[in-house]
C-alpha atoms as a PDB file:
ATOM      1  CA  MET A   1       0.813  -7.201  12.609  1.00  0.00           C
ATOM      2  CA  LYS A   2       3.298 -10.065  12.756  1.00  0.00           C
ATOM      3  CA  ARG A   3       2.820 -10.578   8.883  1.00  0.00           C
ATOM      4  CA  MET A   4       3.462  -6.849   8.436  1.00  0.00           C
ATOM      5  CA  TYR A   5       6.876  -6.931  10.030  1.00  0.00           C
ATOM      6  CA  LEU A   6       7.803 -10.096   8.203  1.00  0.00           C
ATOM      7  CA  PHE A   7       7.231  -8.446   4.920  1.00  0.00           C
ATOM      8  CA  LEU A   8       9.090  -5.459   6.143  1.00  0.00           C
ATOM      9  CA  ALA A   9      12.042  -7.681   7.187  1.00  0.00           C
ATOM     10  CA  ALA A  10      11.925  -9.255   3.824  1.00  0.00           C
ATOM     11  CA  LEU A  11      12.000  -5.931   2.030  1.00  0.00           C
ATOM     12  CA  VAL A  12      14.890  -4.590   4.072  1.00  0.00           C
ATOM     13  CA  ALA A  13      16.848  -7.741   3.251  1.00  0.00           C
ATOM     14  CA  LEU A  14      15.884  -7.370  -0.402  1.00  0.00           C
ATOM     15  CA  GLY A  15      17.005  -3.874  -0.571  1.00  0.00           C
ATOM     16  CA  ALA A  16      20.511  -4.809   0.532  1.00  0.00           C
ATOM     17  CA  MET A  17      20.821  -7.321  -2.277  1.00  0.00           C
ATOM     18  CA  LEU A  18      19.277  -5.442  -5.352  1.00  0.00           C
ATOM     19  CA  SER A  19      21.188  -2.753  -7.434  1.00  0.00           C
ATOM     20  CA  ILE A  20      19.869   0.579  -8.136  1.00  0.00           C
ATOM     21  CA  ALA A  21      16.768   0.559 -10.443  1.00  0.00           C
ATOM     22  CA  GLY A  22      17.332   1.984 -14.025  1.00  0.00           C
ATOM     23  CA  GLN A  23      15.614   5.244 -14.901  1.00  0.00           C
ATOM     24  CA  LEU A  24      12.002   5.178 -15.919  1.00  0.00           C
ATOM     25  CA  LYS A  25      10.800   6.244 -19.072  1.00  0.00           C
ATOM     26  CA  ALA A  26       9.998   9.864 -19.193  1.00  0.00           C
ATOM     27  CA  GLN A  27       6.340   9.580 -20.009  1.00  0.00           C
ATOM     28  CA  ASP A  28       5.910   6.863 -17.235  1.00  0.00           C
ATOM     29  CA  LYS A  29       8.173   8.460 -14.246  1.00  0.00           C
ATOM     30  CA  PRO A  30       6.473   9.196 -11.011  1.00  0.00           C
ATOM     31  CA  THR A  31       6.364  12.966 -10.435  1.00  0.00           C
ATOM     32  CA  GLY A  32       6.053  13.056  -6.400  1.00  0.00           C
ATOM     33  CA  LYS A  33       6.577  16.800  -5.420  1.00  0.00           C
ATOM     34  CA  ALA A  34       8.532  16.906  -2.190  1.00  0.00           C
ATOM     35  CA  PRO A  35       7.858  19.703   0.424  1.00  0.00           C
ATOM     36  CA  ALA A  36      10.302  22.709   0.352  1.00  0.00           C
ATOM     37  CA  ASN A  37      13.495  21.736   2.130  1.00  0.00           C
ATOM     38  CA  PRO A  38      14.024  23.872   5.071  1.00  0.00           C
ATOM     39  CA  THR A  39      17.762  23.248   5.145  1.00  0.00           C
ATOM     40  CA  ASP A  40      18.289  24.112   1.516  1.00  0.00           C
ATOM     41  CA  LYS A  41      20.988  26.822   1.516  1.00  0.00           C
ATOM     42  CA  GLY A  42      21.688  27.166  -2.180  1.00  0.00           C
ATOM     43  CA  GLY A  43      23.402  24.048  -3.152  1.00  0.00           C
ATOM     44  CA  GLU A  44      24.845  23.097   0.250  1.00  0.00           C
ATOM     45  CA  SER A  45      25.298  19.186   0.089  1.00  0.00           C
ATOM     46  CA  GLY A  46      23.890  16.920   2.864  1.00  0.00           C
ATOM     47  CA  ARG A  47      20.118  17.519   2.360  1.00  0.00           C
ATOM     48  CA  VAL A  48      18.163  14.594   3.860  1.00  0.00           C
ATOM     49  CA  ALA A  49      14.527  13.484   3.681  1.00  0.00           C
ATOM     50  CA  VAL A  50      13.049  10.311   5.224  1.00  0.00           C
ATOM     51  CA  PHE A  51       9.877   8.327   4.977  1.00  0.00           C
ATOM     52  CA  ASN A  52       8.073   5.831   7.360  1.00  0.00           C
ATOM     53  CA  ILE A  53       8.117   2.417   5.639  1.00  0.00           C
ATOM     54  CA  THR A  54       5.667   1.003   8.154  1.00  0.00           C
ATOM     55  CA  GLN A  55       3.084   3.717   7.185  1.00  0.00           C
ATOM     56  CA  ILE A  56       3.861   2.779   3.462  1.00  0.00           C
ATOM     57  CA  MET A  57       3.022  -0.816   4.229  1.00  0.00           C
ATOM     58  CA  LYS A  58      -0.192   0.064   5.740  1.00  0.00           C
ATOM     59  CA  ASP A  59      -1.522   2.634   3.119  1.00  0.00           C
ATOM     60  CA  TYR A  60       0.120   1.623  -0.241  1.00  0.00           C
ATOM     61  CA  SER A  61      -2.589  -0.288  -2.179  1.00  0.00           C
ATOM     62  CA  LYS A  62       0.047  -2.450  -4.250  1.00  0.00           C
ATOM     63  CA  TRP A  63       1.678  -3.530  -0.892  1.00  0.00           C
ATOM     64  CA  GLN A  64      -1.842  -4.406   0.731  1.00  0.00           C
ATOM     65  CA  TYR A  65      -2.772  -6.219  -2.634  1.00  0.00           C
ATOM     66  CA  PHE A  66       0.320  -8.416  -2.710  1.00  0.00           C
ATOM     67  CA  SER A  67       0.341  -8.969   1.045  1.00  0.00           C
ATOM     68  CA  THR A  68      -3.244 -10.214   1.124  1.00  0.00           C
ATOM     69  CA  THR A  69      -2.684 -12.303  -2.112  1.00  0.00           C
ATOM     70  CA  VAL A  70       0.274 -14.152  -0.750  1.00  0.00           C
ATOM     71  CA  ALA A  71      -1.409 -14.848   2.571  1.00  0.00           C
ATOM     72  CA  ASN A  72      -4.504 -16.152   0.703  1.00  0.00           C
ATOM     73  CA  GLU A  73      -2.296 -18.393  -1.310  1.00  0.00           C
ATOM     74  CA  ALA A  74      -0.766 -19.787   1.910  1.00  0.00           C
ATOM     75  CA  LYS A  75      -4.169 -20.297   3.351  1.00  0.00           C
ATOM     76  CA  LYS A  76      -5.100 -22.120   0.225  1.00  0.00           C
ATOM     77  CA  ALA A  77      -2.094 -24.388   0.486  1.00  0.00           C
ATOM     78  CA  GLU A  78      -2.759 -24.837   4.189  1.00  0.00           C
ATOM     79  CA  GLY A  79      -6.239 -26.121   3.480  1.00  0.00           C
ATOM     80  CA  GLU A  80      -5.114 -28.382   0.711  1.00  0.00           C
ATOM     81  CA  LEU A  81      -2.730 -30.128   3.204  1.00  0.00           C
ATOM     82  CA  ILE A  82      -5.220 -30.293   5.957  1.00  0.00           C
ATOM     83  CA  LYS A  83      -7.623 -32.277   3.798  1.00  0.00           C
ATOM     84  CA  LEU A  84      -4.839 -34.589   2.599  1.00  0.00           C
ATOM     85  CA  LYS A  85      -3.901 -35.076   6.399  1.00  0.00           C
ATOM     86  CA  ILE A  86      -7.593 -35.777   7.241  1.00  0.00           C
ATOM     87  CA  ASN A  87      -7.895 -38.249   4.366  1.00  0.00           C
ATOM     88  CA  LEU A  88      -4.605 -40.184   5.783  1.00  0.00           C
ATOM     89  CA  THR A  89      -6.099 -40.176   9.103  1.00  0.00           C
ATOM     90  CA  ARG A  90      -9.245 -41.849   7.883  1.00  0.00           C
ATOM     91  CA  MET A  91      -7.229 -44.389   5.830  1.00  0.00           C
ATOM     92  CA  THR A  92      -5.372 -45.236   8.924  1.00  0.00           C
ATOM     93  CA  GLU A  93      -8.471 -45.675  11.157  1.00  0.00           C
ATOM     94  CA  GLN A  94      -9.736 -47.845   8.262  1.00  0.00           C
ATOM     95  CA  ALA A  95      -6.689 -50.107   8.105  1.00  0.00           C
ATOM     96  CA  GLU A  96      -6.818 -50.423  11.888  1.00  0.00           C
ATOM     97  CA  LYS A  97     -10.160 -51.999  11.641  1.00  0.00           C
ATOM     98  CA  GLU A  98      -9.939 -53.951   8.207  1.00  0.00           C
ATOM     99  CA  PRO A  99     -10.087 -57.750   9.076  1.00  0.00           C
ATOM    100  CA  VAL A 100      -8.932 -58.737   5.815  1.00  0.00           C
ATOM    101  CA  GLN A 101      -5.113 -58.926   5.957  1.00  0.00           C
ATOM    102  CA  GLU A 102      -4.728 -58.347   1.869  1.00  0.00           C
ATOM    103  CA  ARG A 103      -6.933 -55.404   2.171  1.00  0.00           C
ATOM    104  CA  ARG A 104      -5.119 -53.960   5.287  1.00  0.00           C
ATOM    105  CA  ASP A 105      -1.866 -54.399   3.453  1.00  0.00           C
ATOM    106  CA  ALA A 106      -3.201 -52.451   0.512  1.00  0.00           C
ATOM    107  CA  LEU A 107      -4.308 -49.704   2.730  1.00  0.00           C
ATOM    108  CA  VAL A 108      -1.187 -49.483   4.478  1.00  0.00           C
ATOM    109  CA  LYS A 109       0.803 -49.266   1.202  1.00  0.00           C
ATOM    110  CA  ALA A 110      -1.683 -46.503   0.057  1.00  0.00           C
ATOM    111  CA  ILE A 111      -1.002 -44.797   3.410  1.00  0.00           C
ATOM    112  CA  ARG A 112       2.685 -44.919   2.945  1.00  0.00           C
ATOM    113  CA  GLU A 113       2.551 -43.406  -0.483  1.00  0.00           C
ATOM    114  CA  GLY A 114      -0.031 -40.907   0.735  1.00  0.00           C
ATOM    115  CA  ARG A 115       2.423 -39.564   3.268  1.00  0.00           C
ATOM    116  CA  ASN A 116       5.253 -39.284   0.818  1.00  0.00           C
ATOM    117  CA  GLY A 117       3.063 -37.540  -1.556  1.00  0.00           C
ATOM    118  CA  LEU A 118       2.016 -35.082   1.368  1.00  0.00           C
ATOM    119  CA  GLU A 119       5.532 -34.312   2.061  1.00  0.00           C
ATOM    120  CA  ASP A 120       6.502 -33.630  -1.646  1.00  0.00           C
ATOM    121  CA  ARG A 121       3.145 -31.384  -2.054  1.00  0.00           C
ATOM    122  CA  GLN A 122       4.098 -29.520   1.055  1.00  0.00           C
ATOM    123  CA  LYS A 123       7.561 -28.934  -0.200  1.00  0.00           C
ATOM    124  CA  GLN A 124       6.266 -27.819  -3.679  1.00  0.00           C
ATOM    125  CA  LEU A 125       3.504 -25.447  -2.182  1.00  0.00           C
ATOM    126  CA  LYS A 126       6.215 -23.742   0.081  1.00  0.00           C
ATOM    127  CA  GLU A 127       8.517 -23.163  -2.905  1.00  0.00           C
ATOM    128  CA  GLN A 128       5.752 -21.867  -4.918  1.00  0.00           C
ATOM    129  CA  ILE A 129       4.609 -19.402  -2.197  1.00  0.00           C
ATOM    130  CA  GLU A 130       8.170 -18.331  -1.549  1.00  0.00           C
ATOM    131  CA  ALA A 131       8.773 -17.631  -5.337  1.00  0.00           C
ATOM    132  CA  LYS A 132       5.697 -15.555  -5.306  1.00  0.00           C
ATOM    133  CA  LEU A 133       6.836 -13.663  -2.281  1.00  0.00           C
ATOM    134  CA  VAL A 134      10.230 -12.864  -3.803  1.00  0.00           C
ATOM    135  CA  ALA A 135       8.717 -11.671  -6.936  1.00  0.00           C
ATOM    136  CA  HIS A 136       6.332  -9.401  -5.347  1.00  0.00           C
ATOM    137  CA  MET A 137       8.896  -8.008  -2.999  1.00  0.00           C
ATOM    138  CA  LYS A 138      11.198  -7.327  -5.737  1.00  0.00           C
ATOM    139  CA  GLU A 139       8.569  -5.207  -7.558  1.00  0.00           C
ATOM    140  CA  LEU A 140       7.443  -3.386  -4.391  1.00  0.00           C
ATOM    141  CA  PHE A 141      11.178  -2.383  -3.641  1.00  0.00           C
ATOM    142  CA  LYS A 142      11.775  -1.236  -7.132  1.00  0.00           C
ATOM    143  CA  ASN A 143       8.620   0.801  -7.050  1.00  0.00           C
ATOM    144  CA  ILE A 144       9.420   2.514  -3.679  1.00  0.00           C
ATOM    145  CA  GLN A 145      12.948   3.112  -4.842  1.00  0.00           C
ATOM    146  CA  GLU A 146      11.652   4.703  -8.039  1.00  0.00           C
ATOM    147  CA  VAL A 147       9.371   7.120  -6.111  1.00  0.00           C
ATOM    148  CA  ALA A 148      12.155   7.983  -3.639  1.00  0.00           C
ATOM    149  CA  GLN A 149      14.383   8.985  -6.399  1.00  0.00           C
ATOM    150  CA  SER A 150      11.744  11.119  -7.962  1.00  0.00           C
ATOM    151  CA  VAL A 151      11.057  12.913  -4.650  1.00  0.00           C
ATOM    152  CA  ALA A 152      14.789  13.395  -4.069  1.00  0.00           C
ATOM    153  CA  GLU A 153      15.261  15.018  -7.421  1.00  0.00           C
ATOM    154  CA  SER A 154      12.103  17.174  -7.226  1.00  0.00           C
ATOM    155  CA  GLY A 155      12.950  18.329  -3.582  1.00  0.00           C
ATOM    156  CA  ASN A 156      16.727  18.635  -4.249  1.00  0.00           C
ATOM    157  CA  TYR A 157      17.506  16.070  -1.516  1.00  0.00           C
ATOM    158  CA  ASP A 158      20.808  14.171  -1.455  1.00  0.00           C
ATOM    159  CA  ILE A 159      19.678  11.341   0.680  1.00  0.00           C
ATOM    160  CA  VAL A 160      16.263   9.641   1.105  1.00  0.00           C
ATOM    161  CA  LEU A 161      16.306   7.330   4.130  1.00  0.00           C
ATOM    162  CA  THR A 162      13.463   5.035   5.445  1.00  0.00           C
ATOM    163  CA  TYR A 163      12.711   4.238   8.999  1.00  0.00           C
ATOM    164  CA  PRO A 164       9.800   2.029  10.572  1.00  0.00           C
ATOM    165  CA  GLU A 165       7.612   3.872  13.088  1.00  0.00           C
ATOM    166  CA  GLY A 166       4.066   2.934  14.376  1.00  0.00           C
ATOM    167  CA  SER A 167       1.077   5.131  14.294  1.00  0.00           C
ATOM    168  CA  THR A 168      -0.755   3.688  17.329  1.00  0.00           C
ATOM    169  CA  GLN A 169       0.531   2.717  20.863  1.00  0.00           C
ATOM    170  CA  GLN A 170      -0.014  -0.924  20.140  1.00  0.00           C
ATOM    171  CA  GLU A 171       2.161  -0.611  16.946  1.00  0.00           C
ATOM    172  CA  LEU A 172       4.929   1.266  18.788  1.00  0.00           C
ATOM    173  CA  ASP A 173       5.125  -1.412  21.511  1.00  0.00           C
ATOM    174  CA  SER A 174       5.125  -4.304  18.976  1.00  0.00           C
ATOM    175  CA  PRO A 175       8.001  -6.526  19.718  1.00  0.00           C
ATOM    176  CA  GLY A 176       8.517  -6.968  15.747  1.00  0.00           C
ATOM    177  CA  LEU A 177       8.909  -3.188  15.381  1.00  0.00           C
ATOM    178  CA  ILE A 178      11.266  -2.852  18.246  1.00  0.00           C
ATOM    179  CA  GLU A 179      13.273  -5.729  16.953  1.00  0.00           C
ATOM    180  CA  LEU A 180      13.419  -4.123  13.446  1.00  0.00           C
ATOM    181  CA  LYS A 181      14.611  -0.761  14.916  1.00  0.00           C
ATOM    182  CA  MET A 182      17.425  -2.499  16.849  1.00  0.00           C
ATOM    183  CA  ARG A 183      19.062  -4.444  13.982  1.00  0.00           C
ATOM    184  CA  PRO A 184      22.488  -3.209  13.496  1.00  0.00           C
ATOM    185  CA  THR A 185      22.185  -3.178   9.506  1.00  0.00           C
ATOM    186  CA  ALA A 186      19.775  -0.388   9.618  1.00  0.00           C
ATOM    187  CA  ALA A 187      20.746   3.314   9.664  1.00  0.00           C
ATOM    188  CA  MET A 188      17.968   3.884  12.164  1.00  0.00           C
ATOM    189  CA  PRO A 189      17.214   7.575  13.082  1.00  0.00           C
ATOM    190  CA  PHE A 190      16.049   7.784  16.822  1.00  0.00           C
ATOM    191  CA  TYR A 191      14.474  11.208  16.113  1.00  0.00           C
ATOM    192  CA  VAL A 192      12.918  12.612  13.117  1.00  0.00           C
ATOM    193  CA  ASN A 193      11.665  16.232  12.358  1.00  0.00           C
ATOM    194  CA  LYS A 194       8.356  16.224  10.487  1.00  0.00           C
ATOM    195  CA  ARG A 195       9.785  18.986   8.261  1.00  0.00           C
ATOM    196  CA  ILE A 196      11.900  16.358   6.437  1.00  0.00           C
ATOM    197  CA  ASP A 197       9.298  13.523   6.439  1.00  0.00           C
ATOM    198  CA  VAL A 198       8.037  12.958   2.820  1.00  0.00           C
ATOM    199  CA  THR A 199       5.897   9.760   3.671  1.00  0.00           C
ATOM    200  CA  GLU A 200       2.696  11.479   2.645  1.00  0.00           C
ATOM    201  CA  VAL A 201       4.214  12.407  -0.786  1.00  0.00           C
ATOM    202  CA  MET A 202       5.534   8.812  -1.025  1.00  0.00           C
ATOM    203  CA  LEU A 203       2.271   7.308  -0.596  1.00  0.00           C
ATOM    204  CA  VAL A 204       0.156   9.747  -3.042  1.00  0.00           C
ATOM    205  CA  THR A 205       2.798   9.138  -5.665  1.00  0.00           C
ATOM    206  CA  LEU A 206       2.920   5.342  -5.231  1.00  0.00           C
ATOM    207  CA  ASN A 207      -0.860   4.967  -5.097  1.00  0.00           C
ATOM    208  CA  LYS A 208      -1.185   7.100  -8.280  1.00  0.00           C
ATOM    209  CA  PHE A 209       1.651   5.942 -10.450  1.00  0.00           C
ATOM    210  CA  ARG A 210       2.182   2.398  -9.099  1.00  0.00           C
ATOM    211  CA  PRO A 211      -1.202   1.258  -8.042  1.00  0.00           C
ATOM    212  CA  ALA A 212      -2.316  -2.303  -7.183  1.00  0.00           C
ATOM    213  CA  PRO A 213      -2.956  -4.377 -10.161  1.00  0.00           C
ATOM    214  CA  GLY A 214      -6.644  -5.103  -9.021  1.00  0.00           C
ATOM    215  CA  GLU A 215      -8.902  -4.642  -6.036  1.00  0.00           C
ATOM    216  CA  ILE A 216      -7.408  -5.832  -2.766  1.00  0.00           C
ATOM    217  CA  PRO A 217      -8.799  -9.212  -2.326  1.00  0.00           C
ATOM    218  CA  ALA A 218     -10.543 -10.192   0.918  1.00  0.00           C
ATOM    219  CA  PRO A 219      -8.393 -12.400   3.267  1.00  0.00           C
ATOM    220  CA  LEU A 220      -9.281 -16.104   3.360  1.00  0.00           C
ATOM    221  CA  VAL A 221     -10.487 -17.781   6.493  1.00  0.00           C
ATOM    222  CA  LEU A 222      -9.467 -21.380   6.943  1.00  0.00           C
ATOM    223  CA  ASP A 223     -11.657 -23.779   9.060  1.00  0.00           C
ATOM    224  CA  PRO A 224     -10.240 -26.898  10.969  1.00  0.00           C
ATOM    225  CA  GLN A 225     -11.449 -29.132   8.063  1.00  0.00           C
ATOM    226  CA  GLY A 226      -9.328 -27.247   5.356  1.00  0.00           C
ATOM    227  CA  ASN A 227     -12.365 -25.220   3.983  1.00  0.00           C
ATOM    228  CA  LEU A 228     -11.971 -21.706   2.789  1.00  0.00           C
ATOM    229  CA  THR A 229     -14.370 -18.750   3.172  1.00  0.00           C
ATOM    230  CA  ALA A 230     -13.658 -15.129   2.436  1.00  0.00           C
ATOM    231  CA  GLY A 231     -13.057 -12.720   5.402  1.00  0.00           C
ATOM    232  CA  ALA A 232     -13.778  -8.911   5.657  1.00  0.00           C
ATOM    233  CA  VAL A 233     -11.180  -6.392   4.019  1.00  0.00           C
ATOM    234  CA  THR A 234      -9.987  -4.149   6.718  1.00  0.00           C
ATOM    235  CA  PRO A 235     -10.525  -0.718   5.552  1.00  0.00           C
ATOM    236  CA  THR A 236      -7.341   1.560   5.029  1.00  0.00           C
ATOM    237  CA  SER A 237      -6.659   4.481   2.824  1.00  0.00           C
ATOM    238  CA  ALA A 238      -5.068   1.716   0.672  1.00  0.00           C
ATOM    239  CA  THR A 239      -8.351   0.547  -0.357  1.00  0.00           C
ATOM    240  CA  ALA A 240      -9.476   3.875  -1.688  1.00  0.00           C
ATOM    241  CA  PRO A 241      -8.916   4.179  -5.433  1.00  0.00           C
ATOM    242  CA  ALA A 242      -6.278   6.425  -6.587  1.00  0.00           C
ATOM    243  CA  LYS A 243      -7.300   9.820  -7.921  1.00  0.00           C
END
């Protein structure tokens, strides 16, 4: 749950920085059909639709694919660093027990170099993961923006807004969700009439026209020794193939 809201916060921040995406090619443009607009009065301006970004996060296959992929990359990095730290601990214990001064000095030097190498590798892995996260978030943002534009055009809406909302009581009470709602940068509706909610249309269109590039990977589980095993995929509608 915490990871979900970290991704959502990153997407909101990215949205403030990106310019409007260009028009898609005609043969590749998503064609999400929006529900009839109950407020349409023959050209009157100010028509609004909304979608639940939290639900998009849960049920959009590409979002789940990228989220799990980045999390697994982080687990792999963490496992690598744990093994390096374990090796340094063993070398330190060996140096403390080494009776020969020359060998002990050599071990101390190797430990010093190993610690420097650990810090460099930690920084390198962090930068690599952050770069992948930014690239994934940019692609997700553009895909969602493209579909929102398509829904707006087909439903004759002037504005399509997003809002975060939980689907269970646990999600509704989540501190991360509450904090996101209270951020002053968001145009946050405190009431949404379901007649103008196009979340399901967005999800169907995204999963059909902008699907995940592959099967959603199983999340990796890390043990105290830095070894990785594959966990179970949590079933959601995002794991179902697009039709």
